[in-house]
């Protein structure tokens, strides 16, 4: 009987870990992870979307931010006119990992930063999950809402002598897939 009880407790523990949603992760997020938003701001985002209202809040800098997408495992926030944030909940074995991509835009150039957290919002080593080449190019990272893919868009930035026209250079696009442990 004890063995059955221990087995059932283990099954419940596994399913409770895998039942976490991005909504729950956002509720539990410490202010230090996204200092631009208070806990009430984050809860307002979720409540507004749940009631089919525009999920817009005034951030700590005094400008308006809007949560534009929320699914079971994905959230997107337009932080400002020039920045955005995406969160993706990834399955890693029996655990979950939160992937957070923040992107800034200046003119037509985008630059992104990626971080990984466990479900208790402890920062994890990015290199454990992803190898991003070190270049002088601007790198835009785009998380997919529909899948566990990560797109890397590299754009070259070159200073030209005064009077010269910039040449259009196609960005280099790489699609990485989540294999259950890391993006490859």
Protein backbone atom coordinates (compact mmCIF):
# COMPACT_ATOMS: atom_id res chain seq x y z
CA UNK A 1 0.00 0.00 0.00
CA UNK A 2 2.88 2.35 0.84
CA UNK A 3 4.44 1.75 -2.57
CA UNK A 4 1.17 2.58 -4.32
CA UNK A 5 0.84 5.77 -2.28
CA UNK A 6 4.44 6.83 -3.11
CA UNK A 7 3.89 6.01 -6.78
CA UNK A 8 0.68 8.09 -6.91
CA UNK A 9 2.42 10.98 -5.16
CA UNK A 10 5.19 10.83 -7.79
CA UNK A 11 2.66 10.83 -10.64
CA UNK A 12 0.86 13.84 -9.13
CA UNK A 13 4.17 15.68 -8.74
CA UNK A 14 5.14 15.06 -12.38
CA UNK A 15 1.76 16.20 -13.67
CA UNK A 16 1.67 19.28 -11.44
CA UNK A 17 5.06 20.37 -12.81
CA UNK A 18 4.00 19.80 -16.41
CA UNK A 19 0.67 21.58 -15.84
CA UNK A 20 2.32 24.99 -15.38
CA UNK A 21 1.30 27.60 -17.94
CA UNK A 22 2.94 30.82 -19.03
CA UNK A 23 0.08 32.62 -17.28
CA UNK A 24 1.08 31.03 -13.95
CA UNK A 25 4.74 31.81 -14.63
CA UNK A 26 3.92 35.49 -15.25
CA UNK A 27 1.95 35.63 -11.98
CA UNK A 28 4.94 34.21 -10.08
CA UNK A 29 7.57 36.36 -11.82
CA UNK A 30 9.66 38.43 -9.38
CA UNK A 31 9.80 42.19 -10.02
CA UNK A 32 13.58 41.94 -10.58
CA UNK A 33 13.08 39.93 -13.79
CA UNK A 34 11.05 42.71 -15.44
CA UNK A 35 11.54 45.81 -13.30
CA UNK A 36 9.54 47.93 -15.75
CA UNK A 37 6.32 46.23 -14.57
CA UNK A 38 4.94 45.78 -11.07
CA UNK A 39 3.21 42.57 -10.08
CA UNK A 40 -0.11 44.42 -10.39
CA UNK A 41 0.81 45.46 -13.96
CA UNK A 42 1.49 41.84 -14.88
CA UNK A 43 -1.77 40.69 -13.26
CA UNK A 44 -3.66 43.47 -15.06
CA UNK A 45 -2.27 42.25 -18.40
CA UNK A 46 -3.65 38.78 -17.67
CA UNK A 47 -7.00 39.99 -16.35
CA UNK A 48 -7.60 42.33 -19.30
CA UNK A 49 -6.87 39.57 -21.82
CA UNK A 50 -9.08 37.12 -19.91
CA UNK A 51 -11.98 39.59 -20.19
CA UNK A 52 -11.28 40.21 -23.91
CA UNK A 53 -10.24 43.82 -23.23
CA UNK A 54 -7.17 45.62 -24.54
CA UNK A 55 -4.37 44.48 -22.21
CA UNK A 56 -2.66 47.84 -21.79
CA UNK A 57 -0.95 49.21 -18.66
CA UNK A 58 1.19 52.21 -17.83
CA UNK A 59 4.71 50.93 -17.06
CA UNK A 60 7.09 52.38 -14.46
CA UNK A 61 8.59 54.72 -17.09
CA UNK A 62 5.17 56.27 -17.62
CA UNK A 63 4.55 54.96 -21.14
CA UNK A 64 1.93 52.47 -22.22
CA UNK A 65 2.72 48.78 -22.72
CA UNK A 66 0.40 46.14 -24.14
CA UNK A 67 0.26 42.36 -23.89
CA UNK A 68 -0.67 41.39 -27.44
CA UNK A 69 -0.66 37.59 -27.20
CA UNK A 70 -1.21 34.97 -24.53
CA UNK A 71 -1.51 31.22 -25.03
CA UNK A 72 -0.86 28.29 -22.73
CA UNK A 73 2.90 28.47 -23.37
CA UNK A 74 3.54 31.88 -25.00
CA UNK A 75 3.16 35.58 -24.19
CA UNK A 76 4.11 38.70 -26.11
CA UNK A 77 4.31 42.23 -24.70
CA UNK A 78 4.84 45.39 -26.74
CA UNK A 79 6.83 47.23 -24.07
CA UNK A 80 7.19 50.48 -26.03
CA UNK A 81 7.23 51.71 -29.61
CA UNK A 82 10.83 50.46 -29.86
CA UNK A 83 10.88 47.34 -27.71
CA UNK A 84 9.06 44.07 -27.18
CA UNK A 85 9.25 41.00 -25.01
CA UNK A 86 8.34 37.36 -25.71
CA UNK A 87 8.08 34.52 -23.21
CA UNK A 88 7.89 30.84 -24.16
CA UNK A 89 7.43 27.91 -21.81
CA UNK A 90 9.50 24.99 -23.10
CA UNK A 91 9.26 21.35 -22.01
CA UNK A 92 12.65 19.94 -20.94
CA UNK A 93 12.14 16.32 -19.94
CA UNK A 94 9.77 16.41 -16.96
CA UNK A 95 10.66 20.04 -16.21
CA UNK A 96 9.72 23.34 -17.79
CA UNK A 97 12.07 26.14 -18.84
CA UNK A 98 11.03 29.72 -19.46
CA UNK A 99 12.67 31.36 -22.46
CA UNK A 100 12.55 35.17 -22.49
CA UNK A 101 13.54 37.27 -25.52
CA UNK A 102 13.68 41.06 -25.27
CA UNK A 103 14.14 43.02 -28.49
CA UNK A 104 14.89 46.69 -29.13
CA UNK A 105 14.49 48.45 -32.45
CA UNK A 106 16.26 51.54 -33.79
CA UNK A 107 15.11 52.51 -37.27
CA UNK A 108 15.14 49.22 -39.20
CA UNK A 109 17.71 47.53 -36.97
CA UNK A 110 16.67 45.06 -34.26
CA UNK A 111 18.79 43.65 -31.47
CA UNK A 112 17.70 40.93 -29.05
CA UNK A 113 18.78 39.40 -25.79
CA UNK A 114 17.73 35.91 -24.69
CA UNK A 115 17.56 34.50 -21.18
CA UNK A 116 16.41 31.21 -19.72
CA UNK A 117 14.83 30.62 -16.30
CA UNK A 118 13.51 27.66 -14.38
CA UNK A 119 9.88 27.83 -13.26
CA UNK A 120 10.94 29.42 -9.97
CA UNK A 121 12.56 32.25 -11.99
CA UNK A 122 16.16 31.28 -11.25
CA UNK A 123 18.39 32.44 -14.11
CA UNK A 124 19.92 29.56 -16.06
CA UNK A 125 23.04 29.47 -18.21
CA UNK A 126 22.04 30.43 -21.77
CA UNK A 127 24.79 28.33 -23.34
CA UNK A 128 23.14 25.23 -21.87
CA UNK A 129 20.21 25.86 -24.25
CA UNK A 130 21.62 27.72 -27.24
CA UNK A 131 24.80 28.56 -29.12
CA UNK A 132 24.52 32.00 -30.69
CA UNK A 133 27.43 33.00 -32.88
CA UNK A 134 29.29 36.08 -31.70
CA UNK A 135 29.24 38.64 -34.50
CA UNK A 136 29.14 42.40 -34.95
CA UNK A 137 25.80 41.99 -36.69
CA UNK A 138 22.51 42.92 -35.11
CA UNK A 139 20.63 39.78 -34.13
CA UNK A 140 16.88 39.69 -33.86
CA UNK A 141 15.57 36.62 -32.03
CA UNK A 142 11.96 35.67 -32.67
CA UNK A 143 10.12 33.05 -30.61
CA UNK A 144 7.24 31.29 -32.33
CA UNK A 145 3.83 31.39 -30.67
CA UNK A 146 2.70 28.25 -32.53
CA UNK A 147 5.76 26.02 -32.10
CA UNK A 148 8.95 25.79 -30.08
CA UNK A 149 11.05 27.32 -32.85
CA UNK A 150 13.48 30.21 -32.53
CA UNK A 151 14.35 32.31 -35.55
CA UNK A 152 17.63 34.25 -35.65
CA UNK A 153 17.70 37.15 -38.09
CA UNK A 154 21.17 38.67 -38.52
CA UNK A 155 21.50 42.08 -40.14
CA UNK A 156 24.83 43.67 -40.95
CA UNK A 157 25.42 47.25 -39.88
CA UNK A 158 28.11 49.18 -41.73
CA UNK A 159 29.12 52.80 -41.28
CA UNK A 160 29.52 54.39 -44.71
CA UNK A 161 31.49 57.48 -45.64
CA UNK A 162 29.37 60.62 -45.81
CA UNK A 163 27.45 60.89 -49.06
CA UNK A 164 27.51 57.18 -49.91
CA UNK A 165 24.24 55.36 -50.19
CA UNK A 166 23.71 52.21 -48.16
CA UNK A 167 23.39 49.01 -50.12
CA UNK A 168 20.52 46.73 -49.23
CA UNK A 169 21.89 43.50 -47.81
CA UNK A 170 19.45 40.64 -47.23
CA UNK A 171 19.43 39.47 -43.62
CA UNK A 172 20.69 36.00 -42.84
CA UNK A 173 17.90 33.92 -41.29
CA UNK A 174 18.45 30.76 -39.25
CA UNK A 175 15.66 28.62 -37.82
CA UNK A 176 16.43 26.64 -34.69
CA UNK A 177 14.16 23.93 -33.32
CA UNK A 178 13.73 22.95 -29.68
CA UNK A 179 14.77 19.30 -29.35
CA UNK A 180 13.51 18.88 -25.79
CA UNK A 181 16.84 19.95 -24.28
CA UNK A 182 18.13 22.89 -26.36
CA UNK A 183 17.69 24.88 -29.56
CA UNK A 184 19.53 23.35 -32.53
